[in-house]
Amino acid sequence: MTQNRPCSVPRPALSTWQLPLRAWQQEAVRAWNAERPPDALVVATPGSGKTRFAARLAHALLAEGRVARIVAVVPREHLKLQVARTMAQAGIVLDHAFANAAGAPAADVHGAVVTYQQVAAAPGVYARLVGGAGGGTAVLLDEIHHAGDQATWGTALRTAFGRAVHRVALSGTPFRSDGMPIPFVTYAAGMSVANFTYDYASALRDGVCRALVFPLQGGEAEWISRDGAEMRASFDTGLARRHESERLRTALTQPNWVGDVLQKAHLRLLAMRAAGQPDAGGLVAAMNQDHAHFIAGLMQRRIGVTPAVVVSDFDDASRRISAFAQSRDPWIVAVHMVSEGVDIPRLRVGVFASNVVTEMYFRQFCGRFVRTTGGSADEREAHVFVPDDHRIRALATRITVDVRAGLKARAELGADAESAAARRPREDAGAGLYASIAAQATQTRTLDFGPLFNPAAFLAAPPASAATPPPPGTPAAARDGAGGIDQPPETHAERNARLRKAVHSLVSQVSSAFGVDHKLVHATLNERCGGPVATATARELEQRRTLIMRWLARRQYDGLR
């Protein structure tokens, strides 16, 4: 067991742990506590509650004084707020608005949530942050396979977090298999070694995740291939590899085929809404931005619905995802944005309209639909409509298989190797003469994973031992073992942003009322209330607001002029 000196840096008070844990989370916590290794890998299926598990470890380390700071690393910008909210439920205050230029989080937080790209941009900042924390730092690496997205990221992570007391890597999907080792992950005979694994099949048996049903959408496509040949084939026709990709792309870009599939999916969603889940939602994965808008237009014409469209990893995209999650709107169309980590438990129907046919991406997409809402047994099933392409059909068939994270020698990869960039939806390079002409959809078969397990056990309520019951008085929003929430609490960063906005507004009032330049008012506040507003703690921001209100109430400004 690692021994550390008690932490000595200031930090906010930490309340006792009050959130319930699912059975697998309890078991994983016990397994980790038995050894408390410097590096640990926990693989748990999407939707099972990895973030709450991570919050439990972080809470224990902080409460026992084994570390003084927590740094959580996530793959995408829009996931920072989500993780911060889940941690806030446990009383752990993480700054999801932390910027590298700040150098270190404010004294009134337990740490920060950042992205892999943020760390890679300034590994020295995090190395100093980790090394300078009295009592040490624990690092939570969410979806750790992203550490290999770029060749320099692995090196940056080792530089940034090499001195951390504990590094806990989390993943819900297979790792990269291009020969690039992932930092802080142990390998044996070329395969990753997880300290704890909780797969989808186990989650189904425990009633933790929904069962997936795959309505396979067949049909026939007609196109001109890149070599100029006129092609016509159904999804059952055997083709050369390049022609398989062209057939799939043709189906996904033809209004008749896509429109019919969208209509079937929408009818399924309406049936689920009528059956008792009025806020059930649907998600379509598109190939690229143009394709997303194409699908949105089809939805308007075919089913009379204007979906939310999320096409980029900017602040507006995060806002749109959050707004959709909290609404009762029926559909959202996304390009890669809602592929992993995003917690929208009301998603019940999906349409996989992407031409990315890697196992990682497909599993990430399917993971958006397995999260439960804690409702009735009727809600424990989700439908994902997919093209009946044999490659996608194979991925759907393997969804219950525990895929280990392995390192392949580059020589073994052959034609199946795909770079990180290739795994992202994008336009095909060098399209040549290729042109889609027509496609018609049919539904040929269905893959249903519910019957693979005991239906009676699956539909029954989870046993009482499946989770620690919440203590009396625990808010309803905190009762979901996966960390889902109905009314998201205000995070530390959101509260500080609100306070800063209020301070700036009040400074404008002071400037107007007393004829003093804004800069001089801020300089006075900086002098009396602990430094610049950008790095002020919540307490210092409140002090600023109180001082300004006193000036305005007394109609007397006694600061710099």
Protein backbone atom coordinates (compact mmCIF):
# COMPACT_ATOMS: atom_id res chain seq x y z
CA MET A 1 0.00 0.00 0.00
CA THR A 2 1.35 3.40 -0.98
CA GLN A 3 2.15 5.66 1.96
CA ASN A 4 1.82 9.42 1.62
CA ARG A 5 2.22 12.29 4.01
CA PRO A 6 -0.98 14.07 5.03
CA CYS A 7 -1.99 16.80 2.61
CA SER A 8 -1.15 20.33 3.64
CA VAL A 9 -2.56 22.60 0.92
CA PRO A 10 -5.86 24.41 1.59
CA ARG A 11 -8.92 22.71 0.17
CA PRO A 12 -12.69 22.89 0.64
CA ALA A 13 -14.33 20.75 3.29
CA LEU A 14 -15.35 17.29 2.11
CA SER A 15 -18.61 15.80 3.33
CA THR A 16 -19.03 12.09 4.04
CA TRP A 17 -19.84 9.83 1.11
CA GLN A 18 -23.63 9.48 0.69
CA LEU A 19 -24.22 8.22 -2.83
CA PRO A 20 -25.34 4.64 -3.59
CA LEU A 21 -23.06 2.28 -5.47
CA ARG A 22 -24.01 -0.56 -7.75
CA ALA A 23 -22.73 -4.01 -6.94
CA TRP A 24 -19.96 -3.92 -9.54
CA GLN A 25 -18.83 -0.49 -8.32
CA GLN A 26 -18.59 -1.79 -4.75
CA GLU A 27 -16.62 -4.82 -5.93
CA ALA A 28 -14.28 -2.66 -8.02
CA VAL A 29 -13.68 -0.30 -5.09
CA ARG A 30 -12.83 -3.26 -2.84
CA ALA A 31 -10.47 -4.66 -5.49
CA TRP A 32 -8.70 -1.32 -5.81
CA ASN A 33 -8.53 -0.80 -2.04
CA ALA A 34 -6.92 -4.19 -1.55
CA GLU A 35 -3.77 -2.98 -3.33
CA ARG A 36 -4.12 0.74 -4.10
CA PRO A 37 -1.59 0.52 -6.94
CA PRO A 38 0.03 3.59 -8.47
CA ASP A 39 -1.52 2.60 -11.81
CA ALA A 40 -4.83 0.84 -12.31
CA LEU A 41 -7.01 0.10 -15.34
CA VAL A 42 -10.76 -0.36 -14.89
CA VAL A 43 -12.75 -1.46 -17.94
CA ALA A 44 -16.51 -1.09 -17.58
CA THR A 45 -19.15 -1.12 -20.29
CA PRO A 46 -20.65 2.24 -21.32
CA GLY A 47 -23.61 3.22 -19.20
CA SER A 48 -22.57 1.20 -16.16
CA GLY A 49 -21.31 4.12 -14.07
CA LYS A 50 -17.54 4.53 -14.48
CA THR A 51 -17.61 8.16 -13.39
CA ARG A 52 -19.34 7.44 -10.10
CA PHE A 53 -16.83 4.68 -9.41
CA ALA A 54 -14.02 7.16 -10.09
CA ALA A 55 -15.72 9.67 -7.79
CA ARG A 56 -15.76 7.07 -5.00
CA LEU A 57 -12.02 6.50 -5.30
CA ALA A 58 -11.31 10.23 -5.46
CA HIS A 59 -13.50 10.89 -2.42
CA ALA A 60 -11.73 8.21 -0.36
CA LEU A 61 -8.27 9.49 -1.27
CA LEU A 62 -9.19 13.07 -0.39
CA ALA A 63 -11.05 12.15 2.80
CA GLU A 64 -8.14 10.06 4.07
CA GLY A 65 -5.62 12.76 3.22
CA ARG A 66 -3.72 10.49 0.85
CA VAL A 67 -3.86 13.11 -1.89
CA ALA A 68 -4.52 16.82 -1.89
CA ARG A 69 -5.66 17.24 -5.47
CA ILE A 70 -7.66 15.44 -8.16
CA VAL A 71 -7.12 15.92 -11.89
CA ALA A 72 -9.65 14.28 -14.20
CA VAL A 73 -8.79 14.02 -17.91
CA VAL A 74 -11.52 13.50 -20.52
CA PRO A 75 -11.39 13.10 -24.32
CA ARG A 76 -13.67 15.98 -25.30
CA GLU A 77 -14.43 19.50 -24.18
CA HIS A 78 -18.15 18.96 -23.68
CA LEU A 79 -17.50 16.11 -21.21
CA LYS A 80 -15.73 18.34 -18.67
CA LEU A 81 -18.95 19.83 -17.31
CA GLN A 82 -20.59 16.41 -17.10
CA VAL A 83 -17.74 14.96 -15.03
CA ALA A 84 -17.62 18.03 -12.79
CA ARG A 85 -21.34 17.65 -12.06
CA THR A 86 -21.01 13.98 -11.19
CA MET A 87 -18.10 14.74 -8.88
CA ALA A 88 -20.07 17.60 -7.30
CA GLN A 89 -22.75 15.11 -6.26
CA ALA A 90 -20.07 13.48 -4.11
CA GLY A 91 -18.92 16.83 -2.71
CA ILE A 92 -15.76 16.89 -4.86
CA VAL A 93 -15.26 20.36 -6.34
CA LEU A 94 -13.46 20.26 -9.69
CA ASP A 95 -12.96 23.30 -11.91
CA HIS A 96 -14.10 22.36 -15.43
CA ALA A 97 -13.20 25.84 -16.72
CA PHE A 98 -9.54 25.56 -15.70
CA ALA A 99 -7.18 27.09 -18.26
CA ASN A 100 -3.51 26.17 -18.71
CA ALA A 101 -2.54 29.83 -18.36
CA ALA A 102 -3.75 29.81 -14.75
CA GLY A 103 -0.98 27.40 -13.78
CA ALA A 104 -2.94 25.87 -10.90
CA PRO A 105 -6.57 25.64 -9.77
CA ALA A 106 -7.86 28.10 -7.18
CA ALA A 107 -7.49 27.22 -3.49
CA ASP A 108 -11.23 26.64 -3.04
CA VAL A 109 -11.42 23.56 -5.30
CA HIS A 110 -10.19 19.98 -5.05
CA GLY A 111 -8.77 20.03 -8.57
CA ALA A 112 -9.73 20.34 -12.21
CA VAL A 113 -11.26 18.57 -15.21
CA VAL A 114 -9.25 18.98 -18.42
CA THR A 115 -8.98 17.36 -21.85
CA TYR A 116 -6.19 15.20 -23.26
CA GLN A 117 -5.53 17.90 -25.82
CA GLN A 118 -5.26 20.48 -23.03
CA VAL A 119 -2.65 18.37 -21.25
CA ALA A 120 -0.74 17.70 -24.48
CA ALA A 121 -0.59 21.45 -25.17
CA ALA A 122 1.23 22.18 -21.90
CA PRO A 123 2.48 19.02 -20.14
CA GLY A 124 4.92 21.10 -18.08
CA VAL A 125 2.05 22.96 -16.45
CA TYR A 126 0.59 19.70 -15.17
CA ALA A 127 3.97 18.30 -14.18
CA ARG A 128 4.49 21.36 -11.96
CA LEU A 129 0.93 21.12 -10.72
CA VAL A 130 1.31 17.46 -9.77
CA GLY A 131 4.78 17.91 -8.29
CA GLY A 132 3.82 20.99 -6.31
CA ALA A 133 0.74 19.59 -4.60
CA GLY A 134 1.56 18.95 -0.96
CA GLY A 135 0.12 15.53 -0.20
CA GLY A 136 0.16 14.44 -3.85
CA THR A 137 -2.21 14.21 -6.80
CA ALA A 138 -4.51 11.48 -8.08
CA VAL A 139 -5.23 11.48 -11.82
CA LEU A 140 -8.37 9.98 -13.34
CA LEU A 141 -7.88 9.18 -17.04
CA ASP A 142 -11.29 8.72 -18.67
CA GLU A 143 -11.48 6.70 -21.91
CA ILE A 144 -7.73 6.20 -21.72
CA HIS A 145 -7.50 4.86 -25.29
CA HIS A 146 -7.61 8.48 -26.46
CA ALA A 147 -4.09 8.86 -25.08
CA GLY A 148 -2.93 7.30 -28.35
CA ASP A 149 -4.93 9.55 -30.68
CA GLN A 150 -1.77 11.45 -31.58
CA ALA A 151 1.82 10.25 -31.39
CA THR A 152 2.85 13.03 -29.00
CA TRP A 153 -0.02 12.61 -26.54
CA GLY A 154 1.38 9.56 -24.81
CA THR A 155 4.70 11.29 -24.20
CA ALA A 156 2.90 14.39 -22.93
CA LEU A 157 0.82 12.37 -20.47
CA ARG A 158 3.89 10.64 -19.06
CA THR A 159 5.59 14.01 -18.62
CA ALA A 160 2.51 15.58 -17.07
CA PHE A 161 1.48 12.85 -14.64
CA GLY A 162 4.59 10.74 -14.10
CA ARG A 163 4.86 11.98 -10.49
CA ALA A 164 1.20 11.47 -9.57
CA VAL A 165 0.56 9.33 -6.50
CA HIS A 166 -2.25 7.40 -8.20
CA ARG A 167 -3.33 7.14 -11.83
CA VAL A 168 -6.65 5.40 -12.48
CA ALA A 169 -7.34 4.70 -16.15
CA LEU A 170 -10.93 4.08 -17.22
CA SER A 171 -12.32 2.69 -20.47
CA GLY A 172 -15.59 1.35 -21.78
CA THR A 173 -14.46 0.33 -25.27
CA PRO A 174 -11.66 -1.66 -26.91
CA PHE A 175 -8.28 0.04 -27.05
CA ARG A 176 -6.33 1.05 -30.09
CA SER A 177 -4.64 -1.87 -31.79
CA ASP A 178 -2.07 -0.09 -33.94
CA GLY A 179 0.95 -1.04 -31.89
CA MET A 180 0.99 2.20 -29.84
CA PRO A 181 1.15 1.41 -26.11
CA ILE A 182 -1.15 3.47 -23.90
CA PRO A 183 0.54 5.33 -21.01
CA PHE A 184 0.14 3.89 -17.51
CA VAL A 185 -1.44 0.66 -18.83
CA THR A 186 0.21 -2.70 -18.08
CA TYR A 187 0.60 -5.21 -20.92
CA ALA A 188 1.28 -8.93 -20.78
CA ALA A 189 1.97 -10.94 -23.93
CA GLY A 190 0.83 -7.96 -25.97
CA MET A 191 -2.53 -7.66 -24.20
CA SER A 192 -3.63 -5.00 -21.74
CA VAL A 193 -4.14 -6.16 -18.17
CA ALA A 194 -7.16 -4.66 -16.43
CA ASN A 195 -7.36 -4.54 -12.64
CA PHE A 196 -11.13 -4.90 -12.91
CA THR A 197 -13.50 -5.64 -15.80
CA TYR A 198 -17.28 -5.29 -16.01
CA ASP A 199 -18.59 -6.16 -19.46
CA TYR A 200 -21.91 -5.56 -21.20
CA ALA A 201 -23.08 -9.13 -20.76
CA SER A 202 -22.62 -8.82 -16.99
CA ALA A 203 -24.40 -5.47 -16.98
CA LEU A 204 -27.35 -7.03 -18.80
CA ARG A 205 -27.58 -9.88 -16.32
CA ASP A 206 -27.48 -7.42 -13.42
CA GLY A 207 -30.15 -5.19 -14.94
CA VAL A 208 -27.66 -2.29 -14.96
CA CYS A 209 -27.93 -1.65 -18.72
CA ARG A 210 -30.66 -1.91 -21.32
CA ALA A 211 -30.77 -4.75 -23.83
CA LEU A 212 -30.04 -3.72 -27.41
CA VAL A 213 -32.20 -4.69 -30.37
CA PHE A 214 -30.70 -4.18 -33.84
CA PRO A 215 -33.24 -3.88 -36.68
CA LEU A 216 -30.98 -4.55 -39.69
CA GLN A 217 -31.91 -2.41 -42.67
CA GLY A 218 -31.26 -4.13 -45.95
CA GLY A 219 -31.92 -2.91 -49.46
CA GLU A 220 -30.39 -2.40 -52.86
CA ALA A 221 -28.06 0.37 -54.04
CA GLU A 222 -27.01 1.63 -57.45
CA TRP A 223 -23.87 3.69 -58.07
CA ILE A 224 -20.90 4.38 -60.34
CA SER A 225 -17.71 3.06 -58.75
CA ARG A 226 -14.41 4.89 -58.60
CA ASP A 227 -13.13 2.81 -61.50
CA GLY A 228 -16.09 3.98 -63.63
CA ALA A 229 -18.11 0.73 -63.49
CA GLU A 230 -21.89 0.87 -63.10
CA MET A 231 -22.76 -1.09 -59.95
CA ARG A 232 -26.02 -2.46 -58.54
CA ALA A 233 -26.10 -4.68 -55.46
CA SER A 234 -28.13 -5.52 -52.39
CA PHE A 235 -26.54 -5.81 -48.96
CA ASP A 236 -26.60 -9.59 -49.38
CA THR A 237 -24.39 -9.46 -52.49
CA GLY A 238 -20.72 -10.31 -52.01
CA LEU A 239 -18.47 -7.49 -53.24
CA ALA A 240 -14.85 -6.44 -53.27
CA ARG A 241 -13.90 -4.40 -50.25
CA ARG A 242 -13.81 -1.05 -52.03
CA HIS A 243 -17.24 -1.70 -53.50
CA GLU A 244 -18.64 -2.59 -50.06
CA SER A 245 -17.71 0.88 -48.86
CA GLU A 246 -19.28 2.45 -51.94
CA ARG A 247 -22.51 0.49 -51.48
CA LEU A 248 -22.76 1.57 -47.84
CA ARG A 249 -22.06 5.19 -48.66
CA THR A 250 -24.64 5.10 -51.46
CA ALA A 251 -27.35 3.85 -49.11
CA LEU A 252 -26.47 6.44 -46.47
CA THR A 253 -26.66 9.33 -48.94
CA GLN A 254 -29.82 8.41 -50.86
CA PRO A 255 -33.04 10.10 -49.63
CA ASN A 256 -35.23 7.06 -50.28
CA TRP A 257 -33.10 4.64 -48.26
CA VAL A 258 -32.25 7.00 -45.39
CA GLY A 259 -35.75 8.49 -45.31
CA ASP A 260 -37.40 5.06 -44.99
CA VAL A 261 -35.05 4.07 -42.18
CA LEU A 262 -35.65 7.34 -40.34
CA GLN A 263 -39.38 6.85 -40.66
CA LYS A 264 -39.20 3.33 -39.20
CA ALA A 265 -37.02 4.56 -36.34
CA HIS A 266 -39.39 7.44 -35.62
CA LEU A 267 -42.39 5.10 -35.49
CA ARG A 268 -40.50 2.97 -32.98
CA LEU A 269 -39.73 6.05 -30.90
CA LEU A 270 -43.38 7.15 -30.95
CA ALA A 271 -44.42 3.68 -29.78
CA MET A 272 -41.99 3.89 -26.85
CA ARG A 273 -43.26 7.34 -25.93
CA ALA A 274 -46.85 6.10 -26.02
CA ALA A 275 -45.93 3.05 -23.92
CA GLY A 276 -44.89 5.05 -20.88
CA GLN A 277 -41.70 7.02 -21.55
CA PRO A 278 -42.93 10.35 -22.98
CA ASP A 279 -39.44 11.85 -23.04
CA ALA A 280 -37.78 8.98 -24.93
CA GLY A 281 -35.28 10.34 -27.44
CA GLY A 282 -33.45 9.26 -30.56
CA LEU A 283 -29.92 9.83 -31.88
CA VAL A 284 -28.63 9.64 -35.46
CA ALA A 285 -24.89 9.31 -36.14
CA ALA A 286 -24.03 11.09 -39.38
CA MET A 287 -20.90 10.84 -41.56
CA ASN A 288 -19.98 14.53 -41.64
CA GLN A 289 -21.48 18.01 -41.29
CA ASP A 290 -23.12 18.05 -44.73
CA HIS A 291 -24.57 14.61 -44.10
CA ALA A 292 -25.94 15.73 -40.73
CA HIS A 293 -27.79 18.63 -42.32
CA PHE A 294 -28.98 16.31 -45.10
CA ILE A 295 -30.48 13.98 -42.49
CA ALA A 296 -32.04 16.88 -40.58
CA GLY A 297 -33.73 18.04 -43.79
CA LEU A 298 -35.04 14.53 -44.46
CA MET A 299 -36.50 14.40 -40.96
CA GLN A 300 -38.33 17.64 -41.53
CA ARG A 301 -39.81 16.39 -44.81
CA ARG A 302 -40.53 12.75 -43.92
CA ILE A 303 -41.58 12.85 -40.28
CA GLY A 304 -42.23 16.54 -39.59
CA VAL A 305 -39.52 16.83 -36.93
CA THR A 306 -36.76 19.43 -36.72
CA PRO A 307 -33.93 17.68 -34.84
CA ALA A 308 -31.14 19.23 -32.84
CA VAL A 309 -27.92 19.13 -34.89
CA VAL A 310 -24.50 18.90 -33.24
CA VAL A 311 -21.58 19.00 -35.63
CA SER A 312 -18.54 20.36 -33.82
CA ASP A 313 -16.68 20.30 -30.52
CA PHE A 314 -17.29 23.93 -29.54
CA ASP A 315 -19.07 25.54 -26.58
CA ASP A 316 -22.28 25.78 -28.60
CA ALA A 317 -22.18 22.03 -29.23
CA SER A 318 -21.92 21.38 -25.49
CA ARG A 319 -24.87 23.70 -24.88
CA ARG A 320 -26.95 21.95 -27.54
CA ILE A 321 -26.23 18.50 -26.10
CA SER A 322 -27.08 19.68 -22.59
CA ALA A 323 -30.28 21.36 -23.78
CA PHE A 324 -31.36 18.20 -25.62
CA ALA A 325 -30.59 16.02 -22.61
CA GLN A 326 -32.83 18.15 -20.38
CA SER A 327 -35.63 18.52 -22.95
CA ARG A 328 -38.31 16.21 -24.30
CA ASP A 329 -37.31 16.83 -27.92
CA PRO A 330 -37.46 13.62 -29.97
CA TRP A 331 -34.27 13.62 -32.09
CA ILE A 332 -30.67 14.78 -32.19
CA VAL A 333 -28.29 14.33 -35.16
CA ALA A 334 -24.58 14.32 -34.41
CA VAL A 335 -21.19 13.88 -36.02
CA HIS A 336 -18.92 12.10 -33.55
CA MET A 337 -19.95 14.46 -30.72
CA VAL A 338 -22.25 12.00 -28.98
CA SER A 339 -20.08 8.93 -29.46
CA GLU A 340 -18.86 8.38 -25.92
CA GLY A 341 -19.19 9.68 -22.41
CA VAL A 342 -22.28 11.80 -22.96
CA ASP A 343 -24.96 10.90 -20.44
CA ILE A 344 -28.45 11.13 -22.00
CA PRO A 345 -30.29 8.21 -20.38
CA ARG A 346 -33.55 8.98 -22.20
CA LEU A 347 -32.05 7.88 -25.54
CA ARG A 348 -34.00 4.81 -26.63
CA VAL A 349 -33.69 4.68 -30.44
CA GLY A 350 -30.61 5.09 -32.61
CA VAL A 351 -29.85 5.23 -36.31
CA PHE A 352 -26.27 4.35 -37.23
CA ALA A 353 -25.88 6.33 -40.45
CA SER A 354 -22.09 6.50 -40.27
CA ASN A 355 -19.60 4.87 -42.63
CA VAL A 356 -17.07 4.40 -39.80
CA VAL A 357 -17.08 0.63 -39.28
CA THR A 358 -14.54 0.17 -36.50
CA GLU A 359 -15.43 -1.76 -33.37
CA MET A 360 -14.46 1.07 -31.04
CA TYR A 361 -16.65 3.66 -32.73
CA PHE A 362 -19.63 1.33 -33.07
CA ARG A 363 -19.48 0.30 -29.42
CA GLN A 364 -19.18 3.90 -28.34
CA PHE A 365 -22.30 4.77 -30.31
CA CYS A 366 -24.26 1.82 -28.92
CA GLY A 367 -23.16 2.81 -25.45
CA ARG A 368 -25.36 5.91 -25.70
CA PHE A 369 -28.50 3.75 -25.55
CA VAL A 370 -27.79 1.27 -22.77
CA ARG A 371 -28.02 3.75 -19.88
CA THR A 372 -31.10 3.20 -17.74
CA THR A 373 -33.34 5.79 -16.12
CA GLY A 374 -34.37 3.61 -13.18
CA GLY A 375 -37.88 3.32 -14.62
CA SER A 376 -40.11 0.35 -15.32
CA ALA A 377 -39.13 -2.90 -16.98
CA ASP A 378 -40.72 -1.61 -20.21
CA GLU A 379 -37.85 0.87 -20.49
CA ARG A 380 -35.14 -1.79 -20.37
CA GLU A 381 -34.73 -2.13 -24.13
CA ALA A 382 -33.29 0.12 -26.82
CA HIS A 383 -33.43 -0.15 -30.62
CA VAL A 384 -30.47 0.73 -32.85
CA PHE A 385 -31.27 0.74 -36.59
CA VAL A 386 -28.20 -0.20 -38.66
CA PRO A 387 -27.46 -0.93 -42.33
CA ASP A 388 -27.37 -4.67 -43.02
CA ASP A 389 -23.76 -4.36 -44.16
CA HIS A 390 -21.95 -7.54 -43.14
CA ARG A 391 -19.23 -5.54 -41.35
CA ILE A 392 -21.74 -3.65 -39.19
CA ARG A 393 -23.77 -6.82 -38.68
CA ALA A 394 -20.64 -8.50 -37.32
CA LEU A 395 -20.02 -5.59 -34.96
CA ALA A 396 -23.59 -5.82 -33.68
CA THR A 397 -23.23 -9.56 -33.20
CA ARG A 398 -20.07 -9.03 -31.14
CA ILE A 399 -21.55 -6.36 -28.87
CA THR A 400 -21.79 -8.77 -25.93
CA VAL A 401 -18.28 -10.11 -26.43
CA ASP A 402 -15.64 -8.93 -23.97
CA VAL A 403 -13.04 -7.42 -26.31
CA ARG A 404 -9.63 -7.22 -24.71
CA ALA A 405 -7.34 -4.34 -25.43
CA GLY A 406 -4.41 -5.70 -27.36
CA LEU A 407 -1.27 -4.43 -29.01
CA LYS A 408 -0.75 -5.80 -32.51
CA ALA A 409 2.57 -5.74 -34.24
CA ARG A 410 2.38 -3.34 -37.15
CA ALA A 411 3.17 -6.17 -39.56
CA GLU A 412 0.01 -7.98 -38.43
CA LEU A 413 -2.29 -5.09 -39.18
CA GLY A 414 -2.29 -5.32 -42.95
CA ALA A 415 -5.27 -3.77 -44.71
CA ASP A 416 -7.33 -3.63 -41.51
CA ALA A 417 -5.20 -0.96 -39.86
CA GLU A 418 -6.98 2.34 -39.41
CA SER A 419 -5.49 5.54 -38.07
CA ALA A 420 -7.18 7.65 -35.41
CA ALA A 421 -8.17 10.14 -38.07
CA ALA A 422 -9.77 7.39 -40.16
CA ARG A 423 -11.96 6.41 -37.22
CA ARG A 424 -13.60 9.84 -37.30
CA PRO A 425 -16.49 10.52 -39.67
CA ARG A 426 -15.23 12.52 -42.65
CA GLU A 427 -15.46 12.83 -46.38
CA ASP A 428 -13.69 10.10 -48.34
CA ALA A 429 -10.42 11.29 -49.83
CA GLY A 430 -9.93 10.96 -53.56
CA ALA A 431 -13.51 10.13 -54.44
CA GLY A 432 -12.63 9.80 -58.13
CA LEU A 433 -15.59 8.89 -60.36
CA TYR A 434 -17.70 7.55 -57.54
CA ALA A 435 -21.32 8.76 -57.61
CA SER A 436 -24.35 7.38 -55.83
CA ILE A 437 -27.47 6.95 -57.96
CA ALA A 438 -30.25 5.28 -55.97
CA ALA A 439 -31.02 3.04 -52.99
CA GLN A 440 -34.12 1.40 -51.54
CA ALA A 441 -34.39 0.12 -47.96
CA THR A 442 -35.89 -3.09 -46.64
CA GLN A 443 -35.83 -4.62 -43.16
CA THR A 444 -34.48 -8.13 -43.47
CA ARG A 445 -33.71 -9.34 -39.96
CA THR A 446 -33.30 -8.35 -36.34
CA LEU A 447 -30.58 -9.01 -33.77
CA ASP A 448 -32.03 -8.96 -30.25
CA PHE A 449 -29.76 -9.50 -27.25
CA GLY A 450 -32.53 -9.59 -24.67
CA PRO A 451 -33.38 -13.30 -25.23
CA LEU A 452 -29.71 -14.26 -24.84
CA PHE A 453 -30.25 -13.84 -21.12
CA ASN A 454 -32.96 -14.94 -18.72
CA PRO A 455 -35.83 -12.60 -19.65
CA ALA A 456 -37.53 -13.04 -16.29
CA ALA A 457 -34.37 -12.13 -14.40
CA PHE A 458 -33.61 -9.30 -16.80
CA LEU A 459 -37.02 -7.67 -16.51
CA ALA A 460 -37.25 -8.07 -12.76
CA ALA A 461 -36.15 -5.26 -10.50
CA PRO A 462 -32.46 -5.53 -9.49
CA PRO A 463 -31.98 -7.41 -6.21
CA ALA A 464 -31.63 -5.41 -3.02
CA SER A 465 -27.95 -6.34 -2.86
CA ALA A 466 -27.25 -4.73 -6.24
CA ALA A 467 -26.58 -1.35 -4.69
CA THR A 468 -26.05 0.22 -1.32
CA PRO A 469 -29.34 1.93 -0.40
CA PRO A 470 -29.08 5.71 -0.30
CA PRO A 471 -29.00 7.24 3.17
CA PRO A 472 -32.14 9.03 4.40
CA GLY A 473 -32.36 12.48 2.90
CA THR A 474 -30.24 11.70 -0.15
CA PRO A 475 -31.54 13.90 -3.00
CA ALA A 476 -33.41 12.01 -5.71
CA ALA A 477 -31.00 13.44 -8.28
CA ALA A 478 -28.14 11.57 -6.63
CA ARG A 479 -29.77 8.12 -6.53
CA ASP A 480 -28.65 6.84 -9.93
CA GLY A 481 -25.58 4.66 -9.58
CA ALA A 482 -24.42 5.75 -13.03
CA GLY A 483 -24.32 9.34 -11.96
CA GLY A 484 -27.33 10.46 -14.00
CA ILE A 485 -29.16 13.53 -12.72
CA ASP A 486 -32.51 15.15 -13.35
CA GLN A 487 -31.64 18.68 -12.24
CA PRO A 488 -27.89 19.23 -12.74
CA PRO A 489 -26.34 20.99 -9.74
CA GLU A 490 -24.43 24.20 -10.31
CA THR A 491 -20.74 23.40 -10.50
CA HIS A 492 -17.97 25.47 -8.94
CA ALA A 493 -16.99 26.89 -12.33
CA GLU A 494 -20.59 27.72 -13.23
CA ARG A 495 -21.09 29.48 -9.90
CA ASN A 496 -17.86 31.48 -10.31
CA ALA A 497 -18.82 32.40 -13.87
CA ARG A 498 -22.16 33.66 -12.58
CA LEU A 499 -20.44 35.66 -9.83
CA ARG A 500 -17.90 37.13 -12.26
CA LYS A 501 -20.71 38.20 -14.58
CA ALA A 502 -22.48 39.85 -11.66
CA VAL A 503 -19.26 41.62 -10.62
CA HIS A 504 -18.64 42.91 -14.15
CA SER A 505 -22.21 44.20 -14.33
CA LEU A 506 -21.86 45.95 -10.96
CA VAL A 507 -18.52 47.45 -11.99
CA SER A 508 -20.27 48.97 -15.00
CA GLN A 509 -22.84 50.50 -12.68
CA VAL A 510 -20.09 51.95 -10.45
CA SER A 511 -18.26 53.33 -13.48
CA SER A 512 -21.42 55.03 -14.73
CA ALA A 513 -22.59 56.28 -11.32
CA PHE A 514 -19.28 57.78 -10.20
CA GLY A 515 -17.59 58.59 -13.50
CA VAL A 516 -14.66 56.23 -12.88
CA ASP A 517 -12.95 54.13 -15.56
CA HIS A 518 -13.71 50.41 -15.40
CA LYS A 519 -10.00 49.57 -15.12
CA LEU A 520 -9.61 51.70 -11.99
CA VAL A 521 -12.63 50.10 -10.34
CA HIS A 522 -11.21 46.63 -11.07
CA ALA A 523 -7.78 47.74 -9.81
CA THR A 524 -9.36 48.82 -6.52
CA LEU A 525 -11.15 45.49 -6.21
CA ASN A 526 -7.94 43.58 -7.03
CA GLU A 527 -6.10 45.49 -4.32
CA ARG A 528 -8.71 44.94 -1.62
CA CYS A 529 -10.12 41.51 -2.50
CA GLY A 530 -7.19 39.25 -3.30
CA GLY A 531 -6.07 39.67 -6.90
CA PRO A 532 -7.50 39.54 -10.44
CA VAL A 533 -11.14 38.62 -10.95
CA ALA A 534 -10.17 35.86 -13.43
CA THR A 535 -8.43 33.82 -10.70
CA ALA A 536 -10.55 34.90 -7.72
CA THR A 537 -12.11 32.28 -5.47
CA ALA A 538 -15.86 32.21 -4.84
CA ARG A 539 -15.27 33.89 -1.47
CA GLU A 540 -13.20 36.66 -3.07
CA LEU A 541 -15.87 37.20 -5.73
CA GLU A 542 -18.51 37.51 -3.02
CA GLN A 543 -16.29 40.04 -1.24
CA ARG A 544 -16.06 42.06 -4.45
CA ARG A 545 -19.80 42.02 -4.89
CA THR A 546 -20.39 43.05 -1.27
CA LEU A 547 -17.93 45.95 -1.56
CA ILE A 548 -19.50 47.19 -4.79
CA MET A 549 -23.02 46.94 -3.35
CA ARG A 550 -21.86 49.02 -0.37
CA TRP A 551 -20.52 51.72 -2.71
CA LEU A 552 -23.78 51.84 -4.61
CA ALA A 553 -25.97 51.76 -1.49
CA ARG A 554 -24.01 54.58 0.20
CA ARG A 555 -23.56 56.44 -3.08
CA GLN A 556 -19.93 56.84 -2.16
CA TYR A 557 -16.95 55.38 -4.00
CA ASP A 558 -13.64 55.47 -2.11
CA GLY A 559 -11.39 53.67 -4.59
CA LEU A 560 -8.78 54.61 -7.19
CA ARG A 561 -9.56 57.40 -9.63
